[in-house]
């Protein structure tokens, strides 16, 4: 009987060497992003000693607080397989609504906060109607919602910024930002900025919600296989509505913090937060090998962006390079998450 000849080619690597390479690749996949973050911290600290000071740490944390708050909501929407592109527009709309409430209508800061939260729920409600009721694909639906609320914010303010002393119908606006409301943007508790405290508390709440409640487990099940989740008795529509409600609420909270920090309602104030929040959430996929939306990864992703921007700023890098750096960082994390995943590599080699 003739022996079967092996296909000519390079000799196979020894099992021990192949196993070592696989373990090294697994460690790089799981801890690579955290290692790069640690390396950046060390590098920036060596190049600019002021980078490692307590004051600069607070600056970095405060700069990523709003992004992180919005990104946590985007993360929850991703758990069901959705994608909330309206988050940035929601932030901008809430900034304008809170400014109008206090400056134009002379209402209290508490009333402005309630109005901002209701605006976030309104955005979420439109997303739910489009995605759950009308069954429009998430990307298309939330993109439409984004343009809708960007336009509404411009119409409500006639395309102008809202600030104390502005002219309304030929007379100065009757109100201004209240001190209590402004405290949410510039106040501190034991020297820690209030937005940082809100970010930390929200991150802990989202982590517990996604990992230690039946609602969170149901959201992940829907994202994995919506039909299987439905057959298992999970009410898919209700849980997807919950995910968008959480995303809208987080975006509204981010808008309130941003409005309090700015002290005015700037047109387009929320535009940068879509890219940054989505980048933070997607970068989180590659943190500790999670390969899925998760609160811890999103926090690390937001810190990654904040550290990089702060470090480049201290090194006097041109401001117009920051968007490119964020894009390169996002592309790299996506390659790690979707191409270098150990399970995905094994399926491709079969």
Protein backbone atom coordinates (compact mmCIF):
# COMPACT_ATOMS: atom_id res chain seq x y z
CA UNK A 1 0.00 0.00 0.00
CA UNK A 2 1.47 3.33 -1.03
CA UNK A 3 2.04 5.81 1.78
CA UNK A 4 0.29 9.16 1.46
CA UNK A 5 2.80 11.90 0.83
CA UNK A 6 2.56 15.09 2.84
CA UNK A 7 1.99 18.28 0.92
CA UNK A 8 5.31 20.00 0.33
CA UNK A 9 5.89 23.17 2.29
CA UNK A 10 7.61 24.61 5.29
CA UNK A 11 8.14 22.16 8.13
CA UNK A 12 5.69 22.45 11.01
CA UNK A 13 6.92 24.18 14.13
CA UNK A 14 7.65 21.95 17.12
CA UNK A 15 4.66 21.60 19.45
CA UNK A 16 6.51 23.26 22.34
CA UNK A 17 7.47 26.27 20.25
CA UNK A 18 3.97 26.52 18.77
CA UNK A 19 2.42 26.36 22.23
CA UNK A 20 4.75 29.08 23.49
CA UNK A 21 3.87 31.32 20.54
CA UNK A 22 0.15 30.80 21.15
CA UNK A 23 0.51 31.65 24.83
CA UNK A 24 2.50 34.77 23.97
CA UNK A 25 -0.14 35.83 21.44
CA UNK A 26 -2.87 35.22 24.00
CA UNK A 27 -1.10 37.35 26.60
CA UNK A 28 -0.54 40.13 24.06
CA UNK A 29 -4.21 40.01 23.08
CA UNK A 30 -5.41 40.09 26.67
CA UNK A 31 -3.00 42.60 28.21
CA UNK A 32 -1.55 44.40 25.20
CA UNK A 33 -3.70 47.53 25.40
CA UNK A 34 -3.19 47.88 29.15
CA UNK A 35 0.56 47.48 28.62
CA UNK A 36 0.56 50.19 25.94
CA UNK A 37 -1.35 52.51 28.30
CA UNK A 38 1.21 51.87 31.05
CA UNK A 39 4.05 52.50 28.59
CA UNK A 40 2.49 55.81 27.54
CA UNK A 41 2.20 56.87 31.17
CA UNK A 42 5.88 56.13 31.76
CA UNK A 43 7.01 57.77 28.50
CA UNK A 44 5.06 60.99 28.99
CA UNK A 45 6.19 61.17 32.62
CA UNK A 46 9.83 60.91 31.56
CA UNK A 47 9.52 63.44 28.75
CA UNK A 48 7.39 65.88 30.75
CA UNK A 49 7.73 65.49 34.55
CA UNK A 50 4.68 67.73 35.03
CA UNK A 51 2.58 64.99 33.38
CA UNK A 52 2.77 62.78 36.47
CA UNK A 53 1.67 65.45 38.95
CA UNK A 54 -1.55 65.13 40.92
CA UNK A 55 -2.95 68.27 39.32
CA UNK A 56 -2.43 66.93 35.81
CA UNK A 57 -3.97 63.60 36.76
CA UNK A 58 -7.11 65.46 37.79
CA UNK A 59 -7.02 67.40 34.51
CA UNK A 60 -6.87 64.14 32.53
CA UNK A 61 -9.70 62.60 34.54
CA UNK A 62 -11.85 65.70 34.19
CA UNK A 63 -11.20 65.83 30.44
CA UNK A 64 -12.43 62.25 29.96
CA UNK A 65 -15.31 62.39 32.45
CA UNK A 66 -17.96 63.58 29.98
CA UNK A 67 -16.64 61.30 27.23
CA UNK A 68 -16.66 58.37 29.63
CA UNK A 69 -20.20 59.05 30.84
CA UNK A 70 -21.51 59.17 27.26
CA UNK A 71 -19.41 56.15 26.25
CA UNK A 72 -20.86 54.05 29.06
CA UNK A 73 -24.33 54.63 27.61
CA UNK A 74 -23.11 53.73 24.12
CA UNK A 75 -21.61 50.57 25.62
CA UNK A 76 -24.98 49.50 27.00
CA UNK A 77 -26.63 50.04 23.60
CA UNK A 78 -23.93 47.87 22.01
CA UNK A 79 -24.64 44.92 24.30
CA UNK A 80 -27.83 44.14 22.38
CA UNK A 81 -26.10 44.41 19.01
CA UNK A 82 -27.24 48.01 18.58
CA UNK A 83 -25.23 51.15 18.01
CA UNK A 84 -26.33 54.57 19.26
CA UNK A 85 -25.06 57.17 16.79
CA UNK A 86 -27.37 59.79 18.29
CA UNK A 87 -25.36 60.11 21.53
CA UNK A 88 -23.41 63.19 20.40
CA UNK A 89 -26.54 64.93 19.15
CA UNK A 90 -28.26 64.11 22.46
CA UNK A 91 -25.39 65.75 24.36
CA UNK A 92 -25.66 68.88 22.20
CA UNK A 93 -29.45 69.03 22.55
CA UNK A 94 -29.25 68.72 26.34
CA UNK A 95 -26.63 71.50 26.50
CA UNK A 96 -28.97 73.80 24.58
CA UNK A 97 -32.07 72.80 26.55
CA UNK A 98 -30.45 73.39 29.93
CA UNK A 99 -29.05 76.73 28.77
CA UNK A 100 -32.43 77.84 27.45
CA UNK A 101 -34.17 76.76 30.66
CA UNK A 102 -31.96 78.91 32.87
CA UNK A 103 -31.01 81.83 30.61
CA UNK A 104 -34.04 82.29 28.37
CA UNK A 105 -36.81 81.19 30.75
CA UNK A 106 -35.12 82.03 34.09
CA UNK A 107 -35.82 78.59 35.61
CA UNK A 108 -33.91 76.95 38.46
CA UNK A 109 -30.92 74.68 37.99
CA UNK A 110 -32.90 71.69 39.26
CA UNK A 111 -35.57 72.34 36.64
CA UNK A 112 -32.89 72.55 33.96
CA UNK A 113 -31.49 69.18 35.05
CA UNK A 114 -34.93 67.60 34.84
CA UNK A 115 -35.46 69.14 31.40
CA UNK A 116 -32.08 67.77 30.29
CA UNK A 117 -32.85 64.25 31.49
CA UNK A 118 -36.25 64.33 29.80
CA UNK A 119 -34.54 65.41 26.58
CA UNK A 120 -32.28 62.36 26.79
CA UNK A 121 -35.28 60.10 27.32
CA UNK A 122 -37.02 61.75 24.37
CA UNK A 123 -34.04 60.91 22.14
CA UNK A 124 -34.11 57.36 23.48
CA UNK A 125 -37.85 57.15 22.84
CA UNK A 126 -37.41 58.10 19.19
CA UNK A 127 -34.67 55.48 18.85
CA UNK A 128 -36.92 52.85 20.40
CA UNK A 129 -39.82 53.72 18.09
CA UNK A 130 -37.57 53.42 15.06
CA UNK A 131 -35.58 50.32 16.02
CA UNK A 132 -38.02 48.27 18.09
CA UNK A 133 -41.44 49.29 16.76
CA UNK A 134 -40.67 50.21 13.14
CA UNK A 135 -37.80 47.67 12.94
CA UNK A 136 -35.45 50.10 11.22
CA UNK A 137 -31.78 48.95 11.45
CA UNK A 138 -30.04 50.54 14.42
CA UNK A 139 -27.33 52.37 12.49
CA UNK A 140 -29.82 53.95 10.09
CA UNK A 141 -32.36 54.76 12.82
CA UNK A 142 -29.91 56.40 15.22
CA UNK A 143 -28.26 58.28 12.35
CA UNK A 144 -31.66 59.75 11.51
CA UNK A 145 -32.25 60.62 15.16
CA UNK A 146 -28.86 62.33 15.25
CA UNK A 147 -29.75 64.67 12.38
CA UNK A 148 -33.25 65.22 13.79
CA UNK A 149 -32.10 66.48 17.18
CA UNK A 150 -29.17 68.42 15.79
CA UNK A 151 -31.69 70.28 13.66
CA UNK A 152 -34.12 70.77 16.54
CA UNK A 153 -31.37 72.27 18.72
CA UNK A 154 -30.52 74.72 15.95
CA UNK A 155 -34.17 75.63 15.37
CA UNK A 156 -34.85 76.19 19.09
CA UNK A 157 -31.97 78.66 19.34
CA UNK A 158 -32.10 80.07 15.78
CA UNK A 159 -28.58 78.74 15.33
CA UNK A 160 -27.17 81.00 18.06
CA UNK A 161 -25.33 80.24 21.27
CA UNK A 162 -27.18 80.81 24.55
CA UNK A 163 -25.42 82.79 27.27
CA UNK A 164 -26.21 85.20 30.07
CA UNK A 165 -26.89 88.72 28.80
CA UNK A 166 -27.88 87.62 25.32
CA UNK A 167 -30.57 89.65 23.58
CA UNK A 168 -34.02 88.09 23.28
CA UNK A 169 -36.69 90.05 21.41
CA UNK A 170 -34.71 93.25 21.81
CA UNK A 171 -34.16 92.87 25.55
CA UNK A 172 -31.51 91.12 27.68
CA UNK A 173 -32.31 87.53 28.65
CA UNK A 174 -33.83 87.42 32.14
CA UNK A 175 -31.82 84.51 33.56
CA UNK A 176 -28.34 83.09 34.00
CA UNK A 177 -26.62 79.86 34.99
CA UNK A 178 -27.27 79.20 38.66
CA UNK A 179 -24.40 78.53 41.06
CA UNK A 180 -25.83 75.16 42.01
CA UNK A 181 -25.97 74.03 38.40
CA UNK A 182 -22.46 75.34 37.63
CA UNK A 183 -21.14 73.33 40.60
CA UNK A 184 -21.73 70.12 38.63
CA UNK A 185 -19.20 71.29 36.06
CA UNK A 186 -16.61 73.10 38.16
CA UNK A 187 -17.16 72.04 41.76
CA UNK A 188 -14.97 69.68 43.75
CA UNK A 189 -15.38 67.21 46.60
CA UNK A 190 -12.16 66.73 48.59
CA UNK A 191 -10.26 68.29 45.64
CA UNK A 192 -11.75 65.79 43.18
CA UNK A 193 -13.85 67.40 40.40
CA UNK A 194 -17.54 66.55 40.51
CA UNK A 195 -17.62 65.23 36.89
CA UNK A 196 -14.91 62.69 37.82
CA UNK A 197 -16.95 61.49 40.79
CA UNK A 198 -20.04 61.15 38.59
CA UNK A 199 -18.02 59.20 36.02
CA UNK A 200 -16.62 56.79 38.61
CA UNK A 201 -20.01 56.18 40.25
CA UNK A 202 -21.72 55.67 36.89
CA UNK A 203 -18.98 53.28 35.72
CA UNK A 204 -19.45 51.19 38.86
CA UNK A 205 -23.23 51.18 38.40
CA UNK A 206 -23.00 50.14 34.74
CA UNK A 207 -20.47 47.42 35.60
CA UNK A 208 -22.76 45.95 38.25
CA UNK A 209 -25.79 46.29 35.97
CA UNK A 210 -24.19 44.47 33.04
CA UNK A 211 -22.32 41.76 34.96
CA UNK A 212 -24.37 41.06 38.07
CA UNK A 213 -28.03 41.49 37.17
CA UNK A 214 -30.40 39.39 35.10
CA UNK A 215 -31.14 42.44 32.96
CA UNK A 216 -27.50 42.77 32.02
CA UNK A 217 -27.15 39.08 31.24
CA UNK A 218 -30.26 39.28 29.09
CA UNK A 219 -28.78 42.22 27.14
CA UNK A 220 -25.64 40.21 26.39
CA UNK A 221 -27.76 37.21 25.38
CA UNK A 222 -29.69 39.37 22.91
CA UNK A 223 -26.47 40.70 21.46
CA UNK A 224 -25.15 37.17 21.03
CA UNK A 225 -28.26 35.75 19.34
CA UNK A 226 -31.53 37.66 19.50
CA UNK A 227 -33.64 34.78 18.18
CA UNK A 228 -32.21 32.30 20.67
CA UNK A 229 -32.80 34.83 23.44
CA UNK A 230 -36.41 35.22 22.34
CA UNK A 231 -36.92 31.45 22.34
CA UNK A 232 -35.44 31.34 25.84
CA UNK A 233 -38.21 33.64 27.04
CA UNK A 234 -36.37 36.97 27.02
CA UNK A 235 -38.50 39.89 25.88
CA UNK A 236 -36.13 41.21 23.26
CA UNK A 237 -38.03 44.40 22.43
CA UNK A 238 -38.35 45.45 26.07
CA UNK A 239 -34.66 44.88 26.77
CA UNK A 240 -33.55 46.72 23.64
CA UNK A 241 -35.75 49.63 24.72
CA UNK A 242 -34.05 49.53 28.12
CA UNK A 243 -30.61 49.65 26.49
CA UNK A 244 -31.49 52.78 24.51
CA UNK A 245 -33.09 54.37 27.58
CA UNK A 246 -29.84 53.88 29.50
CA UNK A 247 -27.84 55.25 26.58
CA UNK A 248 -30.07 58.33 26.32
CA UNK A 249 -29.91 58.94 30.07
CA UNK A 250 -26.11 58.70 30.09
CA UNK A 251 -25.86 61.07 27.11
CA UNK A 252 -28.19 63.49 28.90
CA UNK A 253 -26.07 63.29 32.05
CA UNK A 254 -22.98 63.99 29.95
CA UNK A 255 -24.76 66.96 28.38
CA UNK A 256 -25.65 68.35 31.81
CA UNK A 257 -22.03 68.06 33.00
CA UNK A 258 -20.78 69.68 29.79
CA UNK A 259 -23.30 72.51 30.00
CA UNK A 260 -22.33 73.18 33.62
CA UNK A 261 -18.65 73.24 32.67
CA UNK A 262 -19.12 75.55 29.68
CA UNK A 263 -21.51 77.93 31.41
CA UNK A 264 -23.29 78.53 28.11
CA UNK A 265 -25.13 76.70 25.37
CA UNK A 266 -22.79 76.47 22.40
CA UNK A 267 -24.14 75.27 19.07
CA UNK A 268 -22.51 71.97 18.19
CA UNK A 269 -21.05 71.48 21.67
CA UNK A 270 -21.87 67.78 21.55
CA UNK A 271 -20.45 67.04 18.09
CA UNK A 272 -16.99 65.82 19.22
CA UNK A 273 -18.47 63.41 21.74
CA UNK A 274 -19.86 60.95 19.21
CA UNK A 275 -16.44 59.99 17.83
CA UNK A 276 -14.76 60.00 21.23
CA UNK A 277 -17.45 58.00 23.03
CA UNK A 278 -17.73 55.41 20.26
CA UNK A 279 -13.93 55.14 20.15
CA UNK A 280 -13.77 54.60 23.92
CA UNK A 281 -16.47 51.91 23.79
CA UNK A 282 -14.88 50.08 20.85
CA UNK A 283 -11.38 50.29 22.31
CA UNK A 284 -12.87 48.64 25.39
CA UNK A 285 -13.50 45.50 23.34
CA UNK A 286 -9.73 44.85 23.34
CA UNK A 287 -9.20 45.40 27.07
CA UNK A 288 -8.36 42.19 28.96
CA UNK A 289 -9.53 40.14 25.98
CA UNK A 290 -13.21 40.88 26.65
CA UNK A 291 -14.14 41.03 22.94
CA UNK A 292 -17.53 42.46 23.83
CA UNK A 293 -18.97 45.73 25.16
CA UNK A 294 -18.04 46.12 28.82
CA UNK A 295 -17.90 48.93 31.36
CA UNK A 296 -14.32 48.32 32.54
CA UNK A 297 -13.01 48.32 28.98
CA UNK A 298 -14.87 51.53 28.19
CA UNK A 299 -13.31 53.25 31.21
CA UNK A 300 -9.84 52.13 30.09
CA UNK A 301 -10.63 53.26 26.53
CA UNK A 302 -11.67 56.71 27.72
CA UNK A 303 -8.53 57.00 29.85
CA UNK A 304 -6.42 55.83 26.91
CA UNK A 305 -7.77 58.65 24.74
CA UNK A 306 -7.42 61.22 27.52
CA UNK A 307 -3.86 60.25 28.39
CA UNK A 308 -2.77 60.29 24.77
CA UNK A 309 -4.32 63.70 24.03
CA UNK A 310 -2.98 65.22 27.25
CA UNK A 311 0.49 63.82 26.66
CA UNK A 312 0.60 65.02 23.06
CA UNK A 313 -0.59 68.45 24.17
CA UNK A 314 2.17 68.70 26.76
CA UNK A 315 4.68 67.69 24.07
CA UNK A 316 3.38 70.61 21.96
CA UNK A 317 2.06 68.33 19.21
CA UNK A 318 -0.19 70.21 16.74
CA UNK A 319 -3.83 70.11 17.82
CA UNK A 320 -4.94 69.02 14.35
CA UNK A 321 -3.11 65.70 14.75
CA UNK A 322 -5.32 64.60 17.64
CA UNK A 323 -8.20 63.36 15.47
CA UNK A 324 -5.78 61.31 13.38
CA UNK A 325 -4.25 59.79 16.51
CA UNK A 326 -7.70 58.89 17.84
CA UNK A 327 -8.58 57.29 14.51
CA UNK A 328 -5.35 55.31 14.42
CA UNK A 329 -5.94 54.16 17.98
CA UNK A 330 -9.47 53.07 17.13
CA UNK A 331 -8.34 51.19 14.01
CA UNK A 332 -5.64 49.41 15.99
CA UNK A 333 -8.06 48.33 18.71
CA UNK A 334 -10.55 47.09 16.11
CA UNK A 335 -7.85 44.98 14.48
CA UNK A 336 -7.05 43.46 17.87
CA UNK A 337 -10.72 42.80 18.66
CA UNK A 338 -11.93 41.49 15.30
CA UNK A 339 -8.83 39.98 13.69
CA UNK A 340 -6.42 38.86 16.39
CA UNK A 341 -9.00 37.23 18.67
CA UNK A 342 -7.66 33.72 19.48
CA UNK A 343 -10.96 32.01 18.73
CA UNK A 344 -11.34 33.89 15.47
CA UNK A 345 -7.81 32.94 14.38
CA UNK A 346 -8.51 29.27 15.09
CA UNK A 347 -11.75 29.33 13.05
CA UNK A 348 -9.97 30.92 10.10
CA UNK A 349 -7.25 28.26 10.06
CA UNK A 350 -9.69 25.37 9.88
